[in-house]
Amino acid sequence: MNTPPLLAIAAGALLDGSLKATVGLLSAGLLTAGPLRWASAAQRHAVWLVALLGAPLLVPLAALRGAEVALDAGPALAVWAIGATIGLTALLADLWALRRLTARAAPDPDHPGLHFVEGLHGPLTWGMWRPVVLLPAVAKGWAPPALHAVLAHERAHIRRGDWLVHLATGVVQAVFWFHPAVWWARARVAAEAEHAADDAALAAGARPSDYAALLLSLAPASGPGLGVGGPSLGARVRAVLDRRHRSPRRAAALALCGGLSVLALPTLGAQALWTTSTEALECQPAPPPK
């Protein structure tokens, strides 16, 4: 019996894992839209994050089945590689743009890690080991309560590790660039991260009405990263004014979802969506010489 080439196994494992990842992502959507609808943003964020980061693990689990998942899809695999390269390149380009933006920023001597940037329209935060908060230059004239609320929001992103999450989910999206549910899930992760940071700003003492007015006064962020603004501004304002659960605790949700994933992913990965026919892999005798 012929052994299928590694590229055929990789193509089959990618398709197998992608189809099964849909189960986890749709489950996260049903949970957050149903039983967890009134949970805190931090808890919903944990559910989406585990579901999204668990998706790539299904690919190597499928590859362990070897010839069973092999697909003769060389051209399709080449298209996937081109798309993944474009996605990763875009992520690196965003990082480079942030480095250039920070290079021309003026640091605030009173607040370590805080920088003011001319031409920036909204606050944003980036960086892992040395996180940076970038504010528009006009923020120097903001009233102390407004500046305090914005800094509470951005520092909540830092405490939560949202920049690392941003990079990790960006890599997942680049790998599964063809999967609409992955794009949807990453958007939900980002949205819930913003809601959770807004909750932190309110917990720091900001009045909901004042904070909602502050959000409306800020234009969408002008560059990549995590900051106030974006297409979900209306939803954020409604969430700020809504009376809902705002607990910042997410350890229990992460542990529960992570534990369920540890149990479910190997089982899901071992299930066969298809099995390559052994007849297709059998060696055929060479035709007799003429």
C-alpha atoms as a PDB file:
ATOM      1  CA  MET A   1       0.000   0.000   0.000  1.00  0.00           C
ATOM      2  CA  ASN A   2       1.325   3.426  -0.892  1.00  0.00           C
ATOM      3  CA  THR A   3       2.001   5.882   1.901  1.00  0.00           C
ATOM      4  CA  PRO A   4       0.307   9.206   1.097  1.00  0.00           C
ATOM      5  CA  PRO A   5       2.642  12.191   0.951  1.00  0.00           C
ATOM      6  CA  LEU A   6       2.809  14.522   3.931  1.00  0.00           C
ATOM      7  CA  LEU A   7       1.206  17.309   1.918  1.00  0.00           C
ATOM      8  CA  ALA A   8      -1.854  15.136   1.289  1.00  0.00           C
ATOM      9  CA  ILE A   9      -2.153  14.395   5.011  1.00  0.00           C
ATOM     10  CA  ALA A  10      -1.680  18.104   5.822  1.00  0.00           C
ATOM     11  CA  ALA A  11      -4.412  19.100   3.363  1.00  0.00           C
ATOM     12  CA  GLY A  12      -6.825  16.555   4.772  1.00  0.00           C
ATOM     13  CA  ALA A  13      -6.019  17.437   8.378  1.00  0.00           C
ATOM     14  CA  LEU A  14      -6.558  21.151   7.689  1.00  0.00           C
ATOM     15  CA  LEU A  15      -9.961  20.505   6.136  1.00  0.00           C
ATOM     16  CA  ASP A  16     -10.926  18.012   8.839  1.00  0.00           C
ATOM     17  CA  GLY A  17      -9.886  20.358  11.653  1.00  0.00           C
ATOM     18  CA  SER A  18     -11.604  23.324  10.028  1.00  0.00           C
ATOM     19  CA  LEU A  19     -14.923  21.549   9.749  1.00  0.00           C
ATOM     20  CA  LYS A  20     -14.775  20.321  13.331  1.00  0.00           C
ATOM     21  CA  ALA A  21     -13.716  23.737  14.634  1.00  0.00           C
ATOM     22  CA  THR A  22     -17.111  24.961  13.500  1.00  0.00           C
ATOM     23  CA  VAL A  23     -18.684  22.838  16.240  1.00  0.00           C
ATOM     24  CA  GLY A  24     -16.744  24.607  18.987  1.00  0.00           C
ATOM     25  CA  LEU A  25     -17.272  28.075  17.567  1.00  0.00           C
ATOM     26  CA  LEU A  26     -21.000  27.600  17.112  1.00  0.00           C
ATOM     27  CA  SER A  27     -21.210  26.179  20.639  1.00  0.00           C
ATOM     28  CA  ALA A  28     -19.540  29.339  21.957  1.00  0.00           C
ATOM     29  CA  GLY A  29     -22.031  31.426  20.023  1.00  0.00           C
ATOM     30  CA  LEU A  30     -24.989  29.514  21.432  1.00  0.00           C
ATOM     31  CA  LEU A  31     -23.643  29.723  24.980  1.00  0.00           C
ATOM     32  CA  THR A  32     -22.930  33.450  24.901  1.00  0.00           C
ATOM     33  CA  ALA A  33     -26.227  34.262  23.182  1.00  0.00           C
ATOM     34  CA  GLY A  34     -28.217  32.001  25.476  1.00  0.00           C
ATOM     35  CA  PRO A  35     -27.282  30.916  29.014  1.00  0.00           C
ATOM     36  CA  LEU A  36     -24.386  33.379  29.293  1.00  0.00           C
ATOM     37  CA  ARG A  37     -26.142  36.336  27.693  1.00  0.00           C
ATOM     38  CA  TRP A  38     -26.386  38.126  31.042  1.00  0.00           C
ATOM     39  CA  ALA A  39     -22.978  36.986  32.301  1.00  0.00           C
ATOM     40  CA  SER A  40     -20.134  39.483  32.539  1.00  0.00           C
ATOM     41  CA  ALA A  41     -18.173  40.457  29.445  1.00  0.00           C
ATOM     42  CA  ALA A  42     -15.050  38.921  30.988  1.00  0.00           C
ATOM     43  CA  GLN A  43     -16.783  35.539  31.254  1.00  0.00           C
ATOM     44  CA  ARG A  44     -18.133  35.655  27.696  1.00  0.00           C
ATOM     45  CA  HIS A  45     -14.672  36.655  26.508  1.00  0.00           C
ATOM     46  CA  ALA A  46     -13.236  33.545  28.185  1.00  0.00           C
ATOM     47  CA  VAL A  47     -15.714  31.302  26.365  1.00  0.00           C
ATOM     48  CA  TRP A  48     -14.954  32.798  22.965  1.00  0.00           C
ATOM     49  CA  LEU A  49     -11.216  32.775  23.586  1.00  0.00           C
ATOM     50  CA  VAL A  50     -11.043  29.082  24.506  1.00  0.00           C
ATOM     51  CA  ALA A  51     -13.210  28.134  21.525  1.00  0.00           C
ATOM     52  CA  LEU A  52     -11.069  30.133  19.101  1.00  0.00           C
ATOM     53  CA  LEU A  53      -7.674  29.055  20.425  1.00  0.00           C
ATOM     54  CA  GLY A  54      -8.831  25.441  20.541  1.00  0.00           C
ATOM     55  CA  ALA A  55      -9.577  25.410  16.808  1.00  0.00           C
ATOM     56  CA  PRO A  56      -5.943  25.000  15.611  1.00  0.00           C
ATOM     57  CA  LEU A  57      -5.432  22.024  17.946  1.00  0.00           C
ATOM     58  CA  LEU A  58      -7.922  20.005  15.901  1.00  0.00           C
ATOM     59  CA  VAL A  59      -5.582  20.049  12.886  1.00  0.00           C
ATOM     60  CA  PRO A  60      -2.649  18.098  14.443  1.00  0.00           C
ATOM     61  CA  LEU A  61      -5.160  15.792  16.157  1.00  0.00           C
ATOM     62  CA  ALA A  62      -6.627  15.000  12.755  1.00  0.00           C
ATOM     63  CA  ALA A  63      -3.156  14.565  11.255  1.00  0.00           C
ATOM     64  CA  LEU A  64      -2.468  11.785  13.783  1.00  0.00           C
ATOM     65  CA  ARG A  65      -4.924   9.628  11.826  1.00  0.00           C
ATOM     66  CA  GLY A  66      -2.461   9.697   8.933  1.00  0.00           C
ATOM     67  CA  ALA A  67      -3.672   8.124   5.702  1.00  0.00           C
ATOM     68  CA  GLU A  68      -7.300   8.239   6.831  1.00  0.00           C
ATOM     69  CA  VAL A  69      -7.479  11.991   6.289  1.00  0.00           C
ATOM     70  CA  ALA A  70      -5.183  12.270   3.279  1.00  0.00           C
ATOM     71  CA  LEU A  71      -6.559  14.339   0.404  1.00  0.00           C
ATOM     72  CA  ASP A  72      -5.028  14.947  -2.986  1.00  0.00           C
ATOM     73  CA  ALA A  73      -5.455  18.710  -2.740  1.00  0.00           C
ATOM     74  CA  GLY A  74      -2.070  20.147  -3.655  1.00  0.00           C
ATOM     75  CA  PRO A  75      -3.407  23.223  -5.527  1.00  0.00           C
ATOM     76  CA  ALA A  76      -5.872  23.990  -2.715  1.00  0.00           C
ATOM     77  CA  LEU A  77      -3.083  23.716  -0.155  1.00  0.00           C
ATOM     78  CA  ALA A  78      -1.004  26.169  -2.193  1.00  0.00           C
ATOM     79  CA  VAL A  79      -3.917  28.651  -2.191  1.00  0.00           C
ATOM     80  CA  TRP A  80      -4.234  28.218   1.573  1.00  0.00           C
ATOM     81  CA  ALA A  81      -0.513  28.894   2.045  1.00  0.00           C
ATOM     82  CA  ILE A  82      -0.762  32.103   0.020  1.00  0.00           C
ATOM     83  CA  GLY A  83      -3.735  33.294   2.070  1.00  0.00           C
ATOM     84  CA  ALA A  84      -2.052  32.428   5.375  1.00  0.00           C
ATOM     85  CA  THR A  85       1.107  34.271   4.317  1.00  0.00           C
ATOM     86  CA  ILE A  86      -0.912  37.363   3.420  1.00  0.00           C
ATOM     87  CA  GLY A  87      -2.692  37.248   6.785  1.00  0.00           C
ATOM     88  CA  LEU A  88       0.524  36.900   8.785  1.00  0.00           C
ATOM     89  CA  THR A  89       2.168  39.644   6.736  1.00  0.00           C
ATOM     90  CA  ALA A  90      -0.743  41.978   7.502  1.00  0.00           C
ATOM     91  CA  LEU A  91      -0.345  41.212  11.207  1.00  0.00           C
ATOM     92  CA  LEU A  92       3.369  42.052  11.048  1.00  0.00           C
ATOM     93  CA  ALA A  93       2.578  45.236   9.105  1.00  0.00           C
ATOM     94  CA  ASP A  94       0.201  46.322  11.894  1.00  0.00           C
ATOM     95  CA  LEU A  95       2.942  45.690  14.441  1.00  0.00           C
ATOM     96  CA  TRP A  96       5.422  47.721  12.421  1.00  0.00           C
ATOM     97  CA  ALA A  97       2.900  50.575  12.138  1.00  0.00           C
ATOM     98  CA  LEU A  98       2.506  50.594  15.920  1.00  0.00           C
ATOM     99  CA  ARG A  99       6.266  50.708  16.419  1.00  0.00           C
ATOM    100  CA  ARG A 100       6.518  53.706  14.083  1.00  0.00           C
ATOM    101  CA  LEU A 101       3.601  55.394  15.831  1.00  0.00           C
ATOM    102  CA  THR A 102       5.242  54.897  19.226  1.00  0.00           C
ATOM    103  CA  ALA A 103       8.594  56.155  17.933  1.00  0.00           C
ATOM    104  CA  ARG A 104       7.137  59.605  17.278  1.00  0.00           C
ATOM    105  CA  ALA A 105       5.129  59.705  20.523  1.00  0.00           C
ATOM    106  CA  ALA A 106       5.999  61.976  23.458  1.00  0.00           C
ATOM    107  CA  PRO A 107       6.199  60.150  26.810  1.00  0.00           C
ATOM    108  CA  ASP A 108       4.356  61.524  29.825  1.00  0.00           C
ATOM    109  CA  PRO A 109       6.847  62.064  32.677  1.00  0.00           C
ATOM    110  CA  ASP A 110       4.128  61.612  35.297  1.00  0.00           C
ATOM    111  CA  HIS A 111       2.742  58.320  33.982  1.00  0.00           C
ATOM    112  CA  PRO A 112       5.269  55.636  32.939  1.00  0.00           C
ATOM    113  CA  GLY A 113       4.204  53.857  29.764  1.00  0.00           C
ATOM    114  CA  LEU A 114       1.871  56.665  28.719  1.00  0.00           C
ATOM    115  CA  HIS A 115       2.616  58.490  25.451  1.00  0.00           C
ATOM    116  CA  PHE A 116       0.899  61.282  23.548  1.00  0.00           C
ATOM    117  CA  VAL A 117       0.763  61.201  19.742  1.00  0.00           C
ATOM    118  CA  GLU A 118      -0.097  64.005  17.357  1.00  0.00           C
ATOM    119  CA  GLY A 119      -2.761  62.995  14.839  1.00  0.00           C
ATOM    120  CA  LEU A 120      -4.052  60.021  16.822  1.00  0.00           C
ATOM    121  CA  HIS A 121      -7.838  60.102  17.099  1.00  0.00           C
ATOM    122  CA  GLY A 122      -8.423  57.627  19.927  1.00  0.00           C
ATOM    123  CA  PRO A 123      -6.608  55.783  22.735  1.00  0.00           C
ATOM    124  CA  LEU A 124      -4.972  52.440  22.105  1.00  0.00           C
ATOM    125  CA  THR A 125      -2.738  49.979  23.921  1.00  0.00           C
ATOM    126  CA  TRP A 126      -0.154  47.551  22.615  1.00  0.00           C
ATOM    127  CA  GLY A 127       2.890  45.573  23.748  1.00  0.00           C
ATOM    128  CA  MET A 128       3.494  42.539  25.939  1.00  0.00           C
ATOM    129  CA  TRP A 129       6.650  42.925  28.033  1.00  0.00           C
ATOM    130  CA  ARG A 130       6.666  46.729  27.957  1.00  0.00           C
ATOM    131  CA  PRO A 131       3.062  47.700  27.227  1.00  0.00           C
ATOM    132  CA  VAL A 132       2.457  51.195  25.912  1.00  0.00           C
ATOM    133  CA  VAL A 133      -0.653  53.352  26.193  1.00  0.00           C
ATOM    134  CA  LEU A 134      -0.996  55.864  23.361  1.00  0.00           C
ATOM    135  CA  LEU A 135      -3.332  58.840  23.694  1.00  0.00           C
ATOM    136  CA  PRO A 136      -4.096  61.689  21.300  1.00  0.00           C
ATOM    137  CA  ALA A 137      -2.058  64.817  21.967  1.00  0.00           C
ATOM    138  CA  VAL A 138      -5.295  66.648  22.758  1.00  0.00           C
ATOM    139  CA  ALA A 139      -5.718  64.322  25.766  1.00  0.00           C
ATOM    140  CA  LYS A 140      -3.295  66.577  27.658  1.00  0.00           C
ATOM    141  CA  GLY A 141      -6.221  68.967  28.020  1.00  0.00           C
ATOM    142  CA  TRP A 142      -8.778  66.413  29.137  1.00  0.00           C
ATOM    143  CA  ALA A 143     -10.442  66.838  32.510  1.00  0.00           C
ATOM    144  CA  PRO A 144      -8.934  64.546  35.193  1.00  0.00           C
ATOM    145  CA  PRO A 145     -12.053  62.304  35.460  1.00  0.00           C
ATOM    146  CA  ALA A 146     -12.020  61.649  31.711  1.00  0.00           C
ATOM    147  CA  LEU A 147      -8.293  60.907  31.675  1.00  0.00           C
ATOM    148  CA  HIS A 148      -8.682  58.636  34.699  1.00  0.00           C
ATOM    149  CA  ALA A 149     -11.485  56.659  33.016  1.00  0.00           C
ATOM    150  CA  VAL A 150      -9.551  56.231  29.757  1.00  0.00           C
ATOM    151  CA  LEU A 151      -6.414  55.104  31.570  1.00  0.00           C
ATOM    152  CA  ALA A 152      -8.470  52.655  33.646  1.00  0.00           C
ATOM    153  CA  HIS A 153      -9.824  51.181  30.407  1.00  0.00           C
ATOM    154  CA  GLU A 154      -6.422  50.864  28.740  1.00  0.00           C
ATOM    155  CA  ARG A 155      -4.715  49.491  31.848  1.00  0.00           C
ATOM    156  CA  ALA A 156      -7.456  46.885  32.113  1.00  0.00           C
ATOM    157  CA  HIS A 157      -6.371  45.668  28.657  1.00  0.00           C
ATOM    158  CA  ILE A 158      -2.823  45.372  29.996  1.00  0.00           C
ATOM    159  CA  ARG A 159      -3.835  43.449  33.125  1.00  0.00           C
ATOM    160  CA  ARG A 160      -5.975  41.086  31.076  1.00  0.00           C
ATOM    161  CA  GLY A 161      -3.213  40.396  28.543  1.00  0.00           C
ATOM    162  CA  ASP A 162      -5.444  41.501  25.687  1.00  0.00           C
ATOM    163  CA  TRP A 163      -2.530  42.396  23.418  1.00  0.00           C
ATOM    164  CA  LEU A 164      -1.205  38.830  23.583  1.00  0.00           C
ATOM    165  CA  VAL A 165      -4.733  37.614  22.889  1.00  0.00           C
ATOM    166  CA  HIS A 166      -4.897  40.024  19.940  1.00  0.00           C
ATOM    167  CA  LEU A 167      -1.745  38.511  18.437  1.00  0.00           C
ATOM    168  CA  ALA A 168      -2.727  34.898  19.131  1.00  0.00           C
ATOM    169  CA  THR A 169      -6.186  35.264  17.619  1.00  0.00           C
ATOM    170  CA  GLY A 170      -4.640  37.116  14.673  1.00  0.00           C
ATOM    171  CA  VAL A 171      -2.451  34.091  13.958  1.00  0.00           C
ATOM    172  CA  VAL A 172      -5.472  31.779  14.207  1.00  0.00           C
ATOM    173  CA  GLN A 173      -7.377  33.991  11.788  1.00  0.00           C
ATOM    174  CA  ALA A 174      -4.437  33.964   9.368  1.00  0.00           C
ATOM    175  CA  VAL A 175      -4.295  30.156   9.477  1.00  0.00           C
ATOM    176  CA  PHE A 176      -8.073  29.796   9.043  1.00  0.00           C
ATOM    177  CA  TRP A 177      -8.473  32.799   6.748  1.00  0.00           C
ATOM    178  CA  PHE A 178     -11.021  30.859   4.663  1.00  0.00           C
ATOM    179  CA  HIS A 179     -13.287  30.067   7.649  1.00  0.00           C
ATOM    180  CA  PRO A 180     -16.011  32.701   8.227  1.00  0.00           C
ATOM    181  CA  ALA A 181     -16.787  31.391  11.724  1.00  0.00           C
ATOM    182  CA  VAL A 182     -13.185  32.104  12.770  1.00  0.00           C
ATOM    183  CA  TRP A 183     -13.484  35.727  11.613  1.00  0.00           C
ATOM    184  CA  TRP A 184     -16.773  35.991  13.506  1.00  0.00           C
ATOM    185  CA  ALA A 185     -15.249  34.489  16.659  1.00  0.00           C
ATOM    186  CA  ARG A 186     -12.244  36.812  16.572  1.00  0.00           C
ATOM    187  CA  ALA A 187     -14.546  39.802  16.249  1.00  0.00           C
ATOM    188  CA  ARG A 188     -16.482  38.581  19.290  1.00  0.00           C
ATOM    189  CA  VAL A 189     -13.261  38.133  21.288  1.00  0.00           C
ATOM    190  CA  ALA A 190     -12.259  41.724  20.494  1.00  0.00           C
ATOM    191  CA  ALA A 191     -15.740  43.079  21.276  1.00  0.00           C
ATOM    192  CA  GLU A 192     -15.961  41.323  24.640  1.00  0.00           C
ATOM    193  CA  ALA A 193     -12.456  42.534  25.514  1.00  0.00           C
ATOM    194  CA  GLU A 194     -13.642  46.112  24.976  1.00  0.00           C
ATOM    195  CA  HIS A 195     -16.765  45.529  27.064  1.00  0.00           C
ATOM    196  CA  ALA A 196     -14.660  44.011  29.862  1.00  0.00           C
ATOM    197  CA  ALA A 197     -12.278  46.991  29.823  1.00  0.00           C
ATOM    198  CA  ASP A 198     -15.266  49.343  29.912  1.00  0.00           C
ATOM    199  CA  ASP A 199     -16.521  47.462  32.970  1.00  0.00           C
ATOM    200  CA  ALA A 200     -13.117  48.007  34.593  1.00  0.00           C
ATOM    201  CA  ALA A 201     -13.350  51.743  33.928  1.00  0.00           C
ATOM    202  CA  LEU A 202     -16.772  51.852  35.578  1.00  0.00           C
ATOM    203  CA  ALA A 203     -15.467  49.833  38.520  1.00  0.00           C
ATOM    204  CA  ALA A 204     -12.698  52.425  38.887  1.00  0.00           C
ATOM    205  CA  GLY A 205     -15.312  55.085  39.630  1.00  0.00           C
ATOM    206  CA  ALA A 206     -16.538  56.432  36.292  1.00  0.00           C
ATOM    207  CA  ARG A 207     -20.240  57.236  36.161  1.00  0.00           C
ATOM    208  CA  PRO A 208     -21.994  55.295  33.371  1.00  0.00           C
ATOM    209  CA  SER A 209     -23.575  58.416  31.868  1.00  0.00           C
ATOM    210  CA  ASP A 210     -20.288  60.335  31.898  1.00  0.00           C
ATOM    211  CA  TYR A 211     -18.362  57.390  30.483  1.00  0.00           C
ATOM    212  CA  ALA A 212     -20.912  56.877  27.702  1.00  0.00           C
ATOM    213  CA  ALA A 213     -20.592  60.566  26.792  1.00  0.00           C
ATOM    214  CA  LEU A 214     -16.810  60.173  26.751  1.00  0.00           C
ATOM    215  CA  LEU A 215     -17.049  57.219  24.360  1.00  0.00           C
ATOM    216  CA  LEU A 216     -19.289  59.193  22.023  1.00  0.00           C
ATOM    217  CA  SER A 217     -16.857  62.101  22.034  1.00  0.00           C
ATOM    218  CA  LEU A 218     -13.986  59.942  20.833  1.00  0.00           C
ATOM    219  CA  ALA A 219     -13.589  59.062  17.172  1.00  0.00           C
ATOM    220  CA  PRO A 220     -12.604  55.500  16.198  1.00  0.00           C
ATOM    221  CA  ALA A 221      -8.951  54.663  16.742  1.00  0.00           C
ATOM    222  CA  SER A 222      -6.814  55.675  13.776  1.00  0.00           C
ATOM    223  CA  GLY A 223      -4.391  52.762  13.894  1.00  0.00           C
ATOM    224  CA  PRO A 224      -4.194  49.072  14.693  1.00  0.00           C
ATOM    225  CA  GLY A 225      -4.345  47.835  18.221  1.00  0.00           C
ATOM    226  CA  LEU A 226      -6.771  47.932  21.109  1.00  0.00           C
ATOM    227  CA  GLY A 227      -8.385  51.249  21.857  1.00  0.00           C
ATOM    228  CA  VAL A 228     -11.573  53.193  22.387  1.00  0.00           C
ATOM    229  CA  GLY A 229     -13.808  53.353  19.353  1.00  0.00           C
ATOM    230  CA  GLY A 230     -14.290  50.961  16.499  1.00  0.00           C
ATOM    231  CA  PRO A 231     -17.398  49.658  14.756  1.00  0.00           C
ATOM    232  CA  SER A 232     -18.972  48.442  18.031  1.00  0.00           C
ATOM    233  CA  LEU A 233     -19.102  51.912  19.609  1.00  0.00           C
ATOM    234  CA  GLY A 234     -22.905  51.949  19.696  1.00  0.00           C
ATOM    235  CA  ALA A 235     -23.022  48.523  21.315  1.00  0.00           C
ATOM    236  CA  ARG A 236     -20.450  49.620  23.889  1.00  0.00           C
ATOM    237  CA  VAL A 237     -22.456  52.700  24.816  1.00  0.00           C
ATOM    238  CA  ARG A 238     -25.603  50.612  25.234  1.00  0.00           C
ATOM    239  CA  ALA A 239     -23.689  48.100  27.386  1.00  0.00           C
ATOM    240  CA  VAL A 240     -22.275  50.882  29.575  1.00  0.00           C
ATOM    241  CA  LEU A 241     -25.759  52.281  30.218  1.00  0.00           C
ATOM    242  CA  ASP A 242     -27.302  48.846  30.738  1.00  0.00           C
ATOM    243  CA  ARG A 243     -27.693  47.380  34.218  1.00  0.00           C
ATOM    244  CA  ARG A 244     -25.911  44.055  33.874  1.00  0.00           C
ATOM    245  CA  HIS A 245     -23.364  41.814  35.543  1.00  0.00           C
ATOM    246  CA  ARG A 246     -19.912  43.438  35.392  1.00  0.00           C
ATOM    247  CA  SER A 247     -17.667  41.087  37.356  1.00  0.00           C
ATOM    248  CA  PRO A 248     -14.074  41.158  36.052  1.00  0.00           C
ATOM    249  CA  ARG A 249     -13.511  37.587  37.208  1.00  0.00           C
ATOM    250  CA  ARG A 250     -12.991  35.087  34.431  1.00  0.00           C
ATOM    251  CA  ALA A 251     -10.699  32.467  35.983  1.00  0.00           C
ATOM    252  CA  ALA A 252     -13.586  30.088  36.646  1.00  0.00           C
ATOM    253  CA  ALA A 253     -14.917  30.428  33.097  1.00  0.00           C
ATOM    254  CA  LEU A 254     -11.438  29.897  31.623  1.00  0.00           C
ATOM    255  CA  ALA A 255     -10.840  26.845  33.802  1.00  0.00           C
ATOM    256  CA  LEU A 256     -14.233  25.323  33.008  1.00  0.00           C
ATOM    257  CA  CYS A 257     -14.007  25.907  29.251  1.00  0.00           C
ATOM    258  CA  GLY A 258     -10.368  24.823  29.182  1.00  0.00           C
ATOM    259  CA  GLY A 259     -11.169  21.609  31.053  1.00  0.00           C
ATOM    260  CA  LEU A 260     -14.055  20.804  28.732  1.00  0.00           C
ATOM    261  CA  SER A 261     -11.799  21.441  25.733  1.00  0.00           C
ATOM    262  CA  VAL A 262      -9.141  19.090  27.073  1.00  0.00           C
ATOM    263  CA  LEU A 263     -11.797  16.379  27.261  1.00  0.00           C
ATOM    264  CA  ALA A 264     -13.658  17.195  24.050  1.00  0.00           C
ATOM    265  CA  LEU A 265     -10.924  18.109  21.557  1.00  0.00           C
ATOM    266  CA  PRO A 266      -9.116  14.719  21.453  1.00  0.00           C
ATOM    267  CA  THR A 267     -12.443  12.935  21.055  1.00  0.00           C
ATOM    268  CA  LEU A 268     -13.587  15.322  18.347  1.00  0.00           C
ATOM    269  CA  GLY A 269     -10.222  15.123  16.595  1.00  0.00           C
ATOM    270  CA  ALA A 270     -10.322  11.323  16.522  1.00  0.00           C
ATOM    271  CA  GLN A 271     -13.750  11.195  14.878  1.00  0.00           C
ATOM    272  CA  ALA A 272     -13.530  10.407  11.166  1.00  0.00           C
ATOM    273  CA  LEU A 273     -15.371  12.723   8.828  1.00  0.00           C
ATOM    274  CA  TRP A 274     -14.168  10.536   5.983  1.00  0.00           C
ATOM    275  CA  THR A 275     -11.783   7.650   5.476  1.00  0.00           C
ATOM    276  CA  THR A 276      -9.542   7.325   2.448  1.00  0.00           C
ATOM    277  CA  SER A 277     -10.299   4.102   0.627  1.00  0.00           C
ATOM    278  CA  THR A 278      -7.520   1.562   0.955  1.00  0.00           C
ATOM    279  CA  GLU A 279      -8.131   0.631  -2.660  1.00  0.00           C
ATOM    280  CA  ALA A 280      -7.069   4.098  -3.691  1.00  0.00           C
ATOM    281  CA  LEU A 281      -3.789   3.595  -1.866  1.00  0.00           C
ATOM    282  CA  GLU A 282      -2.980   0.140  -3.209  1.00  0.00           C
ATOM    283  CA  CYS A 283       0.004  -0.267  -5.480  1.00  0.00           C
ATOM    284  CA  GLN A 284      -1.024  -1.056  -9.011  1.00  0.00           C
ATOM    285  CA  PRO A 285       1.142  -3.469 -11.011  1.00  0.00           C
ATOM    286  CA  ALA A 286       3.111  -1.984 -13.831  1.00  0.00           C
ATOM    287  CA  PRO A 287       1.800  -2.786 -17.307  1.00  0.00           C
ATOM    288  CA  PRO A 288       3.644  -5.580 -19.065  1.00  0.00           C
ATOM    289  CA  PRO A 289       6.356  -4.455 -21.499  1.00  0.00           C
ATOM    290  CA  LYS A 290       5.306  -4.323 -25.104  1.00  0.00           C
END
